[in-house]
Amino acid sequence: MSGDSISTSIISRDRNTVRVVVVGDSATGKSSLIAAAASDAFPETVSPVLPPTVLPAEYYPDGIPVTIIDTSSSLDDRPKVEEELQCADAVVLTYACDQPETLVNLQNYWLQEIRRLKVNIPVIVVGCMLDLRDEHFPINLEQMMGPIMQQFKEIETCIECSAANLV
């Protein structure tokens, strides 16, 4: 996870760390993405929700560390997720490349929830588990995400990745 695009747009908040909250449906790869970004290795097993993870300042040209906050997808934990979003400097919103319904939920629930909370922060949409997508059905990311990005101007960018392949 490159710090350039995240930290430069929010650095003006004058803090000791940039706080990035990772949200999305259950089993979309949130914790694996964080663990792979922090260790440069794919974890064979990962906790359902990781503790706050600090990426060192030397990872970033501006010298400010990034604290990544993993979140639970459980309905019981929604108040905690809302609280984390309201304290965030940026949001990473995940969907699973092999589960199209998670992209639908991204649009119909998660982006709506971010708007409802009136958090005015950058949103980075990340398609995880790219390695599990059915290669017989190629998808053009621009065609798929373009209309969503037009509707939700708070989305700064979108990428697809594979924690398993460190891509």
Protein backbone atom coordinates (compact mmCIF):
# COMPACT_ATOMS: atom_id res chain seq x y z
CA MET A 1 0.00 0.00 0.00
CA SER A 2 1.79 3.11 -1.17
CA GLY A 3 1.70 6.03 1.21
CA ASP A 4 2.14 8.70 -1.47
CA SER A 5 -1.49 8.99 -2.53
CA ILE A 6 -2.89 8.57 0.95
CA SER A 7 -0.77 10.86 3.05
CA THR A 8 -0.16 13.77 0.67
CA SER A 9 -3.85 14.60 0.34
CA ILE A 10 -4.43 14.60 4.11
CA ILE A 11 -1.13 15.74 5.52
CA SER A 12 -2.44 19.23 6.22
CA ARG A 13 -4.22 17.94 9.33
CA ASP A 14 -0.89 18.37 11.18
CA ARG A 15 -0.88 15.13 13.15
CA ASN A 16 1.76 12.70 14.30
CA THR A 17 0.24 9.92 12.23
CA VAL A 18 -2.16 9.45 9.35
CA ARG A 19 -5.08 7.26 10.45
CA VAL A 20 -6.46 4.99 7.73
CA VAL A 21 -9.57 2.96 8.54
CA VAL A 22 -10.23 -0.19 6.49
CA VAL A 23 -13.90 -1.14 6.07
CA GLY A 24 -15.90 -3.50 3.88
CA ASP A 25 -18.02 -6.61 3.91
CA SER A 26 -16.94 -9.70 5.82
CA ALA A 27 -14.34 -11.88 4.08
CA THR A 28 -13.32 -9.22 1.54
CA GLY A 29 -9.64 -9.41 2.52
CA LYS A 30 -9.36 -6.43 4.88
CA SER A 31 -7.12 -8.10 7.46
CA SER A 32 -4.99 -9.93 4.89
CA LEU A 33 -4.46 -6.68 2.98
CA ILE A 34 -3.27 -4.93 6.15
CA ALA A 35 -1.04 -7.82 7.22
CA ALA A 36 0.54 -8.08 3.76
CA ALA A 37 1.12 -4.31 3.59
CA ALA A 38 2.75 -4.31 7.03
CA SER A 39 4.99 -7.33 6.52
CA ASP A 40 5.51 -7.60 2.75
CA ALA A 41 4.42 -11.23 3.08
CA PHE A 42 1.12 -13.05 2.76
CA PRO A 43 -0.09 -14.39 6.10
CA GLU A 44 -1.29 -17.99 5.93
CA THR A 45 -3.61 -17.28 8.84
CA VAL A 46 -4.87 -13.94 10.03
CA SER A 47 -7.08 -12.82 12.90
CA PRO A 48 -10.59 -11.73 11.95
CA VAL A 49 -9.75 -8.20 13.13
CA LEU A 50 -6.17 -6.99 13.55
CA PRO A 51 -5.05 -4.55 16.21
CA PRO A 52 -3.98 -1.09 14.96
CA THR A 53 -1.01 -1.51 12.64
CA VAL A 54 1.61 1.21 12.27
CA LEU A 55 3.55 1.49 9.03
CA PRO A 56 6.83 3.25 9.85
CA ALA A 57 7.48 6.86 8.86
CA GLU A 58 10.40 5.82 6.66
CA TYR A 59 7.90 4.18 4.27
CA TYR A 60 6.72 7.68 3.30
CA PRO A 61 8.51 10.66 1.77
CA ASP A 62 6.84 13.08 4.19
CA GLY A 63 8.13 11.11 7.19
CA ILE A 64 4.76 10.63 8.89
CA PRO A 65 3.77 7.11 9.95
CA VAL A 66 0.46 5.61 8.90
CA THR A 67 -1.73 3.83 11.44
CA ILE A 68 -4.07 1.33 9.81
CA ILE A 69 -7.25 0.45 11.69
CA ASP A 70 -8.91 -2.85 10.82
CA THR A 71 -12.65 -3.10 11.44
CA SER A 72 -15.19 -5.81 12.09
CA SER A 73 -18.04 -6.42 9.66
CA SER A 74 -20.35 -7.68 12.40
CA LEU A 75 -23.60 -5.77 12.84
CA ASP A 76 -22.91 -5.70 16.58
CA ASP A 77 -19.74 -3.69 15.91
CA ARG A 78 -21.33 -0.99 13.71
CA PRO A 79 -21.12 1.71 16.42
CA LYS A 80 -17.36 1.06 16.76
CA VAL A 81 -16.93 1.20 12.97
CA GLU A 82 -18.81 4.51 12.86
CA GLU A 83 -16.57 5.88 15.61
CA GLU A 84 -13.44 4.78 13.73
CA LEU A 85 -14.69 6.36 10.50
CA GLN A 86 -15.29 9.66 12.27
CA CYS A 87 -11.69 9.65 13.56
CA ALA A 88 -10.18 8.64 10.21
CA ASP A 89 -7.97 10.69 7.90
CA ALA A 90 -8.76 8.33 5.00
CA VAL A 91 -10.82 5.22 4.33
CA VAL A 92 -9.86 2.09 2.45
CA LEU A 93 -13.10 0.46 1.32
CA THR A 94 -12.70 -3.17 0.25
CA TYR A 95 -14.63 -5.54 -1.96
CA ALA A 96 -13.70 -9.08 -3.00
CA CYS A 97 -12.87 -9.49 -6.70
CA ASP A 98 -14.33 -13.00 -6.64
CA GLN A 99 -17.59 -11.96 -4.91
CA PRO A 100 -19.59 -9.51 -7.09
CA GLU A 101 -22.17 -8.97 -4.33
CA THR A 102 -19.51 -7.22 -2.24
CA LEU A 103 -19.15 -4.58 -4.96
CA VAL A 104 -22.93 -4.09 -4.88
CA ASN A 105 -22.76 -3.67 -1.08
CA LEU A 106 -19.90 -1.21 -1.49
CA GLN A 107 -22.20 1.01 -3.54
CA ASN A 108 -25.49 0.37 -1.76
CA TYR A 109 -24.27 0.27 1.84
CA TRP A 110 -20.68 1.34 2.55
CA LEU A 111 -20.48 4.47 0.41
CA GLN A 112 -23.94 5.50 1.59
CA GLU A 113 -22.84 4.99 5.20
CA ILE A 114 -19.74 7.14 4.71
CA ARG A 115 -21.98 9.88 3.30
CA ARG A 116 -24.50 9.50 6.12
CA LEU A 117 -21.73 10.01 8.67
CA LYS A 118 -20.64 13.17 6.82
CA VAL A 119 -16.98 12.26 7.04
CA ASN A 120 -15.21 14.43 4.49
CA ILE A 121 -12.15 12.28 3.88
CA PRO A 122 -10.60 10.53 0.89
CA VAL A 123 -11.96 7.08 0.05
CA ILE A 124 -9.71 4.54 -1.65
CA VAL A 125 -11.64 1.57 -3.07
CA VAL A 126 -9.62 -1.64 -3.09
CA GLY A 127 -10.66 -4.84 -4.81
CA CYS A 128 -8.96 -7.64 -2.88
CA MET A 129 -8.33 -11.28 -3.77
CA LEU A 130 -7.67 -10.51 -7.43
CA ASP A 131 -5.96 -13.91 -7.67
CA LEU A 132 -9.33 -15.60 -7.01
CA ARG A 133 -11.29 -13.84 -9.77
CA ASP A 134 -12.49 -16.16 -12.51
CA GLU A 135 -10.09 -15.45 -15.37
CA HIS A 136 -12.73 -16.59 -17.89
CA PHE A 137 -14.68 -13.41 -17.10
CA PRO A 138 -12.24 -10.53 -17.51
CA ILE A 139 -13.41 -7.25 -16.02
CA ASN A 140 -12.33 -3.77 -17.02
CA LEU A 141 -11.80 -1.86 -13.78
CA GLU A 142 -12.42 1.53 -15.43
CA GLN A 143 -15.71 0.43 -16.96
CA MET A 144 -16.84 -1.16 -13.72
CA MET A 145 -15.78 1.62 -11.33
CA GLY A 146 -16.25 4.66 -13.58
CA PRO A 147 -19.99 5.07 -12.92
CA ILE A 148 -19.51 4.47 -9.19
CA MET A 149 -16.73 7.07 -9.05
CA GLN A 150 -18.96 9.54 -10.91
CA GLN A 151 -21.73 9.03 -8.38
CA PHE A 152 -19.43 9.12 -5.33
CA LYS A 153 -16.96 11.97 -5.80
CA GLU A 154 -15.36 11.16 -2.44
CA ILE A 155 -13.61 8.19 -4.07
CA GLU A 156 -10.04 9.31 -4.77
CA THR A 157 -8.98 6.18 -6.61
CA CYS A 158 -9.62 2.48 -6.97
CA ILE A 159 -7.24 -0.42 -7.37
CA GLU A 160 -7.36 -4.18 -7.37
CA CYS A 161 -4.79 -6.30 -5.62
CA SER A 162 -3.88 -9.70 -4.29
CA ALA A 163 -2.35 -9.97 -0.83
CA ALA A 164 -1.53 -13.61 -1.67
CA ASN A 165 0.58 -12.54 -4.66
CA LEU A 166 1.74 -9.26 -3.05
CA VAL A 167 0.36 -7.35 -6.02
